[in-house]
Each structure stands twice: as structure tokens, then as C-alpha cells.
Amino acid sequence: MYGLPKGLSLEFLCGQTLLQVCVGAHDLILNFHDDVSVTVTSRIACAGPDGARHEYDDFRQAAPELMVFLNETIAKAEGSEDGTLRLAFDTGGTITIYDDSAEYESYTIRHGERVIVI
């Protein structure tokens, strides 16, 4: 649990369209256009436009819910000091990624050559 760096702008995530959801046994990769990706190894939550929210630590179970975000665009990206990253999509749904490990990285954001490890 390292948290997000103070003053980190997540503005580059806004307008990114989710192109691919890659589900592995121990990680989840969200690939966006414009050479942006988020690799997750922590707990996540998904919420649809109706507000129904589900948390997952097994990405195989999260896969069906994540697929509805394909070809959707991030309208707002918010990070909190505790490391929680919330991606709000233009359709009203959200993906929340938690920084829930004191020993290991919880997620990595890549934007071209820039890498942000949380």
C-alpha cells in the first residue's frame, strides 16, 4: 500500500478507449488506445450505470463484467492518497482498482515510456 504520488495528474487517462481486457491467473491488463495500459494484481470493483457494484479478487469472475467496458471511453479518472484508482466511463459505469498490498505492487499504469507503479 504505497498510494498515488502527490500531485499526480491522471488527465492523460481521460478520453482513452478500452480496446482489450486480458485476464490471467494472477493479473488483469486493460489496454487502451494511445499506448496506455493498466496492469492490475490487486482487488477491483466494477459498477454498471445502474449502480450495482461488485468486488473481485479473482479476475476470472470479473471478466464478464469487465467486457461491457470494451470500446467505452474514460470520462473521468480519479486517484486517492490511499492508492485507489477510479475510472469512470462515459456510459456511467466505473472500474475501481485498489492498492491493497503492503508487500507488492497493486497495479501499474503505462503511458508510452512513462510507467507509474502503485
C-alpha atoms as a PDB file:
ATOM      1  CA  MET A   1       0.000   0.000   0.000  1.00  0.00           C
ATOM      2  CA  TYR A   2       2.098   2.796  -1.376  1.00  0.00           C
ATOM      3  CA  GLY A   3      -0.594   5.192  -2.540  1.00  0.00           C
ATOM      4  CA  LEU A   4      -0.517   7.503  -5.508  1.00  0.00           C
ATOM      5  CA  PRO A   5       2.196  10.161  -5.704  1.00  0.00           C
ATOM      6  CA  LYS A   6       1.017  13.587  -4.532  1.00  0.00           C
ATOM      7  CA  GLY A   7       0.192  15.891  -7.398  1.00  0.00           C
ATOM      8  CA  LEU A   8      -0.016  13.065  -9.942  1.00  0.00           C
ATOM      9  CA  SER A   9      -2.202  14.140 -12.844  1.00  0.00           C
ATOM     10  CA  LEU A  10      -4.321  11.348 -14.296  1.00  0.00           C
ATOM     11  CA  GLU A  11      -5.673  13.627 -17.016  1.00  0.00           C
ATOM     12  CA  PHE A  12      -3.954  11.521 -19.706  1.00  0.00           C
ATOM     13  CA  LEU A  13      -6.401   8.686 -18.920  1.00  0.00           C
ATOM     14  CA  CYS A  14      -9.437  10.801 -19.839  1.00  0.00           C
ATOM     15  CA  GLY A  15     -10.578  10.152 -23.372  1.00  0.00           C
ATOM     16  CA  GLN A  16      -8.877   6.749 -23.534  1.00  0.00           C
ATOM     17  CA  THR A  17     -10.974   3.978 -25.103  1.00  0.00           C
ATOM     18  CA  LEU A  18     -10.700   0.454 -23.690  1.00  0.00           C
ATOM     19  CA  LEU A  19      -9.618  -1.809 -26.540  1.00  0.00           C
ATOM     20  CA  GLN A  20      -8.699  -5.045 -24.792  1.00  0.00           C
ATOM     21  CA  VAL A  21      -9.237  -6.872 -21.499  1.00  0.00           C
ATOM     22  CA  CYS A  22      -6.595  -9.542 -20.836  1.00  0.00           C
ATOM     23  CA  VAL A  23      -7.346 -11.926 -17.975  1.00  0.00           C
ATOM     24  CA  GLY A  24      -4.584 -14.014 -16.439  1.00  0.00           C
ATOM     25  CA  ALA A  25      -4.427 -16.278 -13.416  1.00  0.00           C
ATOM     26  CA  HIS A  26      -2.858 -13.552 -11.272  1.00  0.00           C
ATOM     27  CA  ASP A  27      -3.213 -10.336 -13.235  1.00  0.00           C
ATOM     28  CA  LEU A  28      -5.554  -8.287 -15.353  1.00  0.00           C
ATOM     29  CA  ILE A  29      -4.423  -6.000 -18.155  1.00  0.00           C
ATOM     30  CA  LEU A  30      -6.606  -3.213 -19.502  1.00  0.00           C
ATOM     31  CA  ASN A  31      -5.256  -1.969 -22.845  1.00  0.00           C
ATOM     32  CA  PHE A  32      -6.409   1.402 -24.112  1.00  0.00           C
ATOM     33  CA  HIS A  33      -5.664   3.250 -27.330  1.00  0.00           C
ATOM     34  CA  ASP A  34      -2.806   5.778 -27.423  1.00  0.00           C
ATOM     35  CA  ASP A  35      -0.307   3.304 -25.872  1.00  0.00           C
ATOM     36  CA  VAL A  36      -1.918   3.317 -22.419  1.00  0.00           C
ATOM     37  CA  SER A  37      -2.400   0.248 -20.238  1.00  0.00           C
ATOM     38  CA  VAL A  38      -3.187  -0.624 -16.633  1.00  0.00           C
ATOM     39  CA  THR A  39      -1.901  -3.923 -15.238  1.00  0.00           C
ATOM     40  CA  VAL A  40      -3.734  -4.970 -12.077  1.00  0.00           C
ATOM     41  CA  THR A  41      -2.660  -7.521  -9.468  1.00  0.00           C
ATOM     42  CA  SER A  42      -4.992  -6.328  -6.699  1.00  0.00           C
ATOM     43  CA  ARG A  43      -8.678  -6.294  -5.877  1.00  0.00           C
ATOM     44  CA  ILE A  44     -11.030  -4.419  -8.212  1.00  0.00           C
ATOM     45  CA  ALA A  45     -14.662  -3.352  -8.243  1.00  0.00           C
ATOM     46  CA  CYS A  46     -16.972  -2.853 -11.205  1.00  0.00           C
ATOM     47  CA  ALA A  47     -20.188  -0.879 -11.242  1.00  0.00           C
ATOM     48  CA  GLY A  48     -22.648  -0.537 -14.067  1.00  0.00           C
ATOM     49  CA  PRO A  49     -24.680   2.549 -14.940  1.00  0.00           C
ATOM     50  CA  ASP A  50     -27.424   1.174 -12.676  1.00  0.00           C
ATOM     51  CA  GLY A  51     -25.069   1.469  -9.668  1.00  0.00           C
ATOM     52  CA  ALA A  52     -24.856  -2.283  -8.994  1.00  0.00           C
ATOM     53  CA  ARG A  53     -21.317  -2.771  -7.656  1.00  0.00           C
ATOM     54  CA  HIS A  54     -19.297  -5.990  -7.341  1.00  0.00           C
ATOM     55  CA  GLU A  55     -15.795  -6.518  -5.922  1.00  0.00           C
ATOM     56  CA  TYR A  56     -13.408  -9.157  -7.220  1.00  0.00           C
ATOM     57  CA  ASP A  57     -10.047 -10.616  -6.310  1.00  0.00           C
ATOM     58  CA  ASP A  58     -10.409 -13.396  -8.893  1.00  0.00           C
ATOM     59  CA  PHE A  59     -10.192 -11.806 -12.345  1.00  0.00           C
ATOM     60  CA  ARG A  60     -11.838 -14.817 -13.997  1.00  0.00           C
ATOM     61  CA  GLN A  61     -15.015 -13.969 -12.110  1.00  0.00           C
ATOM     62  CA  ALA A  62     -14.709 -10.291 -13.046  1.00  0.00           C
ATOM     63  CA  ALA A  63     -14.207 -10.980 -16.783  1.00  0.00           C
ATOM     64  CA  PRO A  64     -17.877 -10.954 -17.873  1.00  0.00           C
ATOM     65  CA  GLU A  65     -18.498  -7.654 -16.112  1.00  0.00           C
ATOM     66  CA  LEU A  66     -15.310  -6.097 -17.500  1.00  0.00           C
ATOM     67  CA  MET A  67     -16.248  -6.998 -21.078  1.00  0.00           C
ATOM     68  CA  VAL A  68     -19.091  -4.475 -21.072  1.00  0.00           C
ATOM     69  CA  PHE A  69     -16.445  -1.714 -20.865  1.00  0.00           C
ATOM     70  CA  LEU A  70     -14.855  -2.697 -24.197  1.00  0.00           C
ATOM     71  CA  ASN A  71     -14.912   0.183 -26.675  1.00  0.00           C
ATOM     72  CA  GLU A  72     -16.046   2.563 -23.900  1.00  0.00           C
ATOM     73  CA  THR A  73     -14.185   5.789 -23.124  1.00  0.00           C
ATOM     74  CA  ILE A  74     -12.911   7.062 -19.787  1.00  0.00           C
ATOM     75  CA  ALA A  75     -14.725  10.279 -18.893  1.00  0.00           C
ATOM     76  CA  LYS A  76     -13.011  10.821 -15.532  1.00  0.00           C
ATOM     77  CA  ALA A  77     -10.009   9.310 -13.736  1.00  0.00           C
ATOM     78  CA  GLU A  78      -9.627   9.899 -10.010  1.00  0.00           C
ATOM     79  CA  GLY A  79      -6.930   8.774  -7.631  1.00  0.00           C
ATOM     80  CA  SER A  80      -6.893   8.994  -3.860  1.00  0.00           C
ATOM     81  CA  GLU A  81      -3.974   9.171  -1.441  1.00  0.00           C
ATOM     82  CA  ASP A  82      -4.600   5.584  -0.338  1.00  0.00           C
ATOM     83  CA  GLY A  83      -3.859   4.483  -3.910  1.00  0.00           C
ATOM     84  CA  THR A  84      -7.392   3.765  -5.068  1.00  0.00           C
ATOM     85  CA  LEU A  85      -7.859   4.490  -8.778  1.00  0.00           C
ATOM     86  CA  ARG A  86     -11.383   5.061 -10.083  1.00  0.00           C
ATOM     87  CA  LEU A  87     -12.067   5.067 -13.823  1.00  0.00           C
ATOM     88  CA  ALA A  88     -15.488   6.460 -14.713  1.00  0.00           C
ATOM     89  CA  PHE A  89     -16.642   5.691 -18.248  1.00  0.00           C
ATOM     90  CA  ASP A  90     -18.845   7.817 -20.462  1.00  0.00           C
ATOM     91  CA  THR A  91     -21.628   5.220 -20.226  1.00  0.00           C
ATOM     92  CA  GLY A  92     -21.881   5.706 -16.453  1.00  0.00           C
ATOM     93  CA  GLY A  93     -20.056   2.564 -15.308  1.00  0.00           C
ATOM     94  CA  THR A  94     -16.884   2.516 -13.225  1.00  0.00           C
ATOM     95  CA  ILE A  95     -13.863   0.328 -12.601  1.00  0.00           C
ATOM     96  CA  THR A  96     -12.183   0.852  -9.239  1.00  0.00           C
ATOM     97  CA  ILE A  97      -8.689  -0.510  -8.637  1.00  0.00           C
ATOM     98  CA  TYR A  98      -7.380  -0.808  -5.079  1.00  0.00           C
ATOM     99  CA  ASP A  99      -3.872  -0.514  -3.677  1.00  0.00           C
ATOM    100  CA  ASP A 100      -4.329  -3.356  -1.197  1.00  0.00           C
ATOM    101  CA  SER A 101      -0.882  -4.944  -0.836  1.00  0.00           C
ATOM    102  CA  ALA A 102       1.754  -3.716   1.597  1.00  0.00           C
ATOM    103  CA  GLU A 103       4.376  -6.048   0.100  1.00  0.00           C
ATOM    104  CA  TYR A 104       3.823  -5.992  -3.662  1.00  0.00           C
ATOM    105  CA  GLU A 105       2.703  -3.699  -6.426  1.00  0.00           C
ATOM    106  CA  SER A 106      -1.062  -3.477  -6.753  1.00  0.00           C
ATOM    107  CA  TYR A 107      -1.197  -2.002 -10.238  1.00  0.00           C
ATOM    108  CA  THR A 108       0.941  -0.349 -12.884  1.00  0.00           C
ATOM    109  CA  ILE A 109      -0.114   2.397 -15.275  1.00  0.00           C
ATOM    110  CA  ARG A 110       1.836   2.669 -18.510  1.00  0.00           C
ATOM    111  CA  HIS A 111       1.586   5.653 -20.848  1.00  0.00           C
ATOM    112  CA  GLY A 112       4.105   5.264 -23.643  1.00  0.00           C
ATOM    113  CA  GLU A 113       7.547   5.257 -21.991  1.00  0.00           C
ATOM    114  CA  ARG A 114       6.164   6.519 -18.656  1.00  0.00           C
ATOM    115  CA  VAL A 115       5.479   3.855 -16.000  1.00  0.00           C
ATOM    116  CA  ILE A 116       3.692   4.542 -12.711  1.00  0.00           C
ATOM    117  CA  VAL A 117       3.908   1.696 -10.184  1.00  0.00           C
ATOM    118  CA  ILE A 118       1.456   1.650  -7.270  1.00  0.00           C
END
